Structure formats: C-alpha cells, structure tokens
C-alpha cells in the first residue's frame, strides 16, 4: 500500500529534524576539539580553515598522509613533532593553498 503524501511529508520533517540534531552534535564535538587545540583565537579566513579541515578529513579517510597523526619526515622527526615547535605567528597553512 502506498503512503499518502501527508504521511511522507511528516516523515521528511521528522528526518530533517533528526538530521539537524545530528549536525548540531557533530558541530559541537568538532568545536570542542578545535577549542582544545586553541583554534578559537587564530585569525584565519574561514575558507582557509575549511580547506584545512577538508585536508584533515581526506587524511583520516585514507586520501593522503598517515591516519595516526604522525607523518615521517625522513630525518628522524615526525610531522606532529615539528608542528609542535612552530611559532604561533608563522603561516602553517601556506602549503595547503591552491
């Protein structure tokens, strides 16, 4: 038996509400992590920040880089070790610009 259009609309509305709640939870989670990493006080264009997040997403989805957060630089150091010593005023995102 086919559903009437009113019931389909109700189901769509319910699913949209669930989607909104899920997106809110995800945004709050990412926001908490970003604040813990001190990203809240970095002055960066939103487009650049989004591009950096997209690079991170690719890395953890297997697109590029190591998924464990440490990339071997070939000189006995890891990328996470070298980035920890980077000065706050340096341009860390310059290499990700296209």
C-alpha atoms as a PDB file:
ATOM      1  CA  UNK A   1       0.000   0.000   0.000  1.00  0.00           C
ATOM      2  CA  UNK A   2       1.305   3.433  -0.936  1.00  0.00           C
ATOM      3  CA  UNK A   3       1.741   6.137   1.666  1.00  0.00           C
ATOM      4  CA  UNK A   4      -0.307   9.311   1.318  1.00  0.00           C
ATOM      5  CA  UNK A   5       1.689  12.465   0.587  1.00  0.00           C
ATOM      6  CA  UNK A   6       0.853  13.926   4.008  1.00  0.00           C
ATOM      7  CA  UNK A   7       2.483  10.967   5.745  1.00  0.00           C
ATOM      8  CA  UNK A   8       5.560  11.260   3.522  1.00  0.00           C
ATOM      9  CA  UNK A   9       5.817  14.974   4.379  1.00  0.00           C
ATOM     10  CA  UNK A  10       5.609  14.143   8.082  1.00  0.00           C
ATOM     11  CA  UNK A  11       8.359  11.566   7.691  1.00  0.00           C
ATOM     12  CA  UNK A  12      10.526  14.056   5.777  1.00  0.00           C
ATOM     13  CA  UNK A  13      10.003  16.661   8.512  1.00  0.00           C
ATOM     14  CA  UNK A  14      10.937  14.119  11.182  1.00  0.00           C
ATOM     15  CA  UNK A  15      14.063  13.093   9.272  1.00  0.00           C
ATOM     16  CA  UNK A  16      15.054  16.729   8.723  1.00  0.00           C
ATOM     17  CA  UNK A  17      14.774  17.290  12.471  1.00  0.00           C
ATOM     18  CA  UNK A  18      16.941  14.224  13.147  1.00  0.00           C
ATOM     19  CA  UNK A  19      19.489  15.491  10.617  1.00  0.00           C
ATOM     20  CA  UNK A  20      19.578  18.918  12.255  1.00  0.00           C
ATOM     21  CA  UNK A  21      20.128  17.345  15.687  1.00  0.00           C
ATOM     22  CA  UNK A  22      22.900  15.096  14.366  1.00  0.00           C
ATOM     23  CA  UNK A  23      24.632  18.032  12.639  1.00  0.00           C
ATOM     24  CA  UNK A  24      24.415  20.059  15.852  1.00  0.00           C
ATOM     25  CA  UNK A  25      26.012  17.245  17.866  1.00  0.00           C
ATOM     26  CA  UNK A  26      28.779  16.888  15.271  1.00  0.00           C
ATOM     27  CA  UNK A  27      29.409  20.637  15.147  1.00  0.00           C
ATOM     28  CA  UNK A  28      29.605  20.843  18.936  1.00  0.00           C
ATOM     29  CA  UNK A  29      32.060  17.932  19.019  1.00  0.00           C
ATOM     30  CA  UNK A  30      34.307  19.449  16.358  1.00  0.00           C
ATOM     31  CA  UNK A  31      34.031  22.840  18.038  1.00  0.00           C
ATOM     32  CA  UNK A  32      35.137  21.450  21.405  1.00  0.00           C
ATOM     33  CA  UNK A  33      38.110  19.740  19.764  1.00  0.00           C
ATOM     34  CA  UNK A  34      39.040  22.914  17.872  1.00  0.00           C
ATOM     35  CA  UNK A  35      38.923  24.959  21.062  1.00  0.00           C
ATOM     36  CA  UNK A  36      41.090  22.423  22.884  1.00  0.00           C
ATOM     37  CA  UNK A  37      43.604  22.790  20.036  1.00  0.00           C
ATOM     38  CA  UNK A  38      43.498  26.604  20.501  1.00  0.00           C
ATOM     39  CA  UNK A  39      41.927  27.238  17.095  1.00  0.00           C
ATOM     40  CA  UNK A  40      39.465  29.691  18.602  1.00  0.00           C
ATOM     41  CA  UNK A  41      41.972  32.507  18.829  1.00  0.00           C
ATOM     42  CA  UNK A  42      43.715  32.025  15.479  1.00  0.00           C
ATOM     43  CA  UNK A  43      42.969  34.704  12.921  1.00  0.00           C
ATOM     44  CA  UNK A  44      42.368  32.792   9.697  1.00  0.00           C
ATOM     45  CA  UNK A  45      39.990  33.196   6.803  1.00  0.00           C
ATOM     46  CA  UNK A  46      37.068  30.751   7.024  1.00  0.00           C
ATOM     47  CA  UNK A  47      37.792  29.424   3.529  1.00  0.00           C
ATOM     48  CA  UNK A  48      41.377  28.591   4.540  1.00  0.00           C
ATOM     49  CA  UNK A  49      40.198  26.943   7.740  1.00  0.00           C
ATOM     50  CA  UNK A  50      37.622  24.909   5.841  1.00  0.00           C
ATOM     51  CA  UNK A  51      40.295  23.818   3.361  1.00  0.00           C
ATOM     52  CA  UNK A  52      42.500  22.699   6.259  1.00  0.00           C
ATOM     53  CA  UNK A  53      39.609  20.715   7.754  1.00  0.00           C
ATOM     54  CA  UNK A  54      38.972  19.119   4.355  1.00  0.00           C
ATOM     55  CA  UNK A  55      42.635  18.078   4.202  1.00  0.00           C
ATOM     56  CA  UNK A  56      42.273  16.522   7.654  1.00  0.00           C
ATOM     57  CA  UNK A  57      39.128  14.686   6.554  1.00  0.00           C
ATOM     58  CA  UNK A  58      40.956  13.300   3.499  1.00  0.00           C
ATOM     59  CA  UNK A  59      43.821  12.165   5.680  1.00  0.00           C
ATOM     60  CA  UNK A  60      41.589  10.206   8.028  1.00  0.00           C
ATOM     61  CA  UNK A  61      39.521   8.774   5.182  1.00  0.00           C
ATOM     62  CA  UNK A  62      42.679   7.376   3.610  1.00  0.00           C
ATOM     63  CA  UNK A  63      43.072  10.057   0.946  1.00  0.00           C
ATOM     64  CA  UNK A  64      46.620  11.053   1.873  1.00  0.00           C
ATOM     65  CA  UNK A  65      49.001  11.093   4.805  1.00  0.00           C
ATOM     66  CA  UNK A  66      49.093   8.834   7.822  1.00  0.00           C
ATOM     67  CA  UNK A  67      45.876   8.245   9.720  1.00  0.00           C
ATOM     68  CA  UNK A  68      47.647   8.053  13.064  1.00  0.00           C
ATOM     69  CA  UNK A  69      48.617  11.711  13.045  1.00  0.00           C
ATOM     70  CA  UNK A  70      52.381  11.283  12.660  1.00  0.00           C
ATOM     71  CA  UNK A  71      53.999  11.584   9.262  1.00  0.00           C
ATOM     72  CA  UNK A  72      57.640  10.563   8.937  1.00  0.00           C
ATOM     73  CA  UNK A  73      59.667  13.495   7.615  1.00  0.00           C
ATOM     74  CA  UNK A  74      62.628  11.287   6.741  1.00  0.00           C
ATOM     75  CA  UNK A  75      65.026  12.885   9.229  1.00  0.00           C
ATOM     76  CA  UNK A  76      64.011  11.026  12.373  1.00  0.00           C
ATOM     77  CA  UNK A  77      61.286  13.502  13.243  1.00  0.00           C
ATOM     78  CA  UNK A  78      57.548  13.272  12.771  1.00  0.00           C
ATOM     79  CA  UNK A  79      55.280  15.958  11.371  1.00  0.00           C
ATOM     80  CA  UNK A  80      53.485  16.271  14.712  1.00  0.00           C
ATOM     81  CA  UNK A  81      56.799  16.871  16.481  1.00  0.00           C
ATOM     82  CA  UNK A  82      57.851  19.564  14.023  1.00  0.00           C
ATOM     83  CA  UNK A  83      54.482  21.300  14.079  1.00  0.00           C
ATOM     84  CA  UNK A  84      54.569  21.482  17.865  1.00  0.00           C
ATOM     85  CA  UNK A  85      57.681  23.666  17.664  1.00  0.00           C
ATOM     86  CA  UNK A  86      56.225  26.043  15.091  1.00  0.00           C
ATOM     87  CA  UNK A  87      55.914  29.618  16.280  1.00  0.00           C
ATOM     88  CA  UNK A  88      52.366  30.958  16.731  1.00  0.00           C
ATOM     89  CA  UNK A  89      52.870  33.744  14.174  1.00  0.00           C
ATOM     90  CA  UNK A  90      54.150  31.514  11.383  1.00  0.00           C
ATOM     91  CA  UNK A  91      51.969  30.669   8.415  1.00  0.00           C
ATOM     92  CA  UNK A  92      51.205  26.969   8.886  1.00  0.00           C
ATOM     93  CA  UNK A  93      48.553  26.834   6.150  1.00  0.00           C
ATOM     94  CA  UNK A  94      50.572  28.329   3.294  1.00  0.00           C
ATOM     95  CA  UNK A  95      51.364  24.962   1.744  1.00  0.00           C
ATOM     96  CA  UNK A  96      47.688  23.935   1.587  1.00  0.00           C
ATOM     97  CA  UNK A  97      46.630  26.890  -0.532  1.00  0.00           C
ATOM     98  CA  UNK A  98      45.881  26.197  -4.172  1.00  0.00           C
END
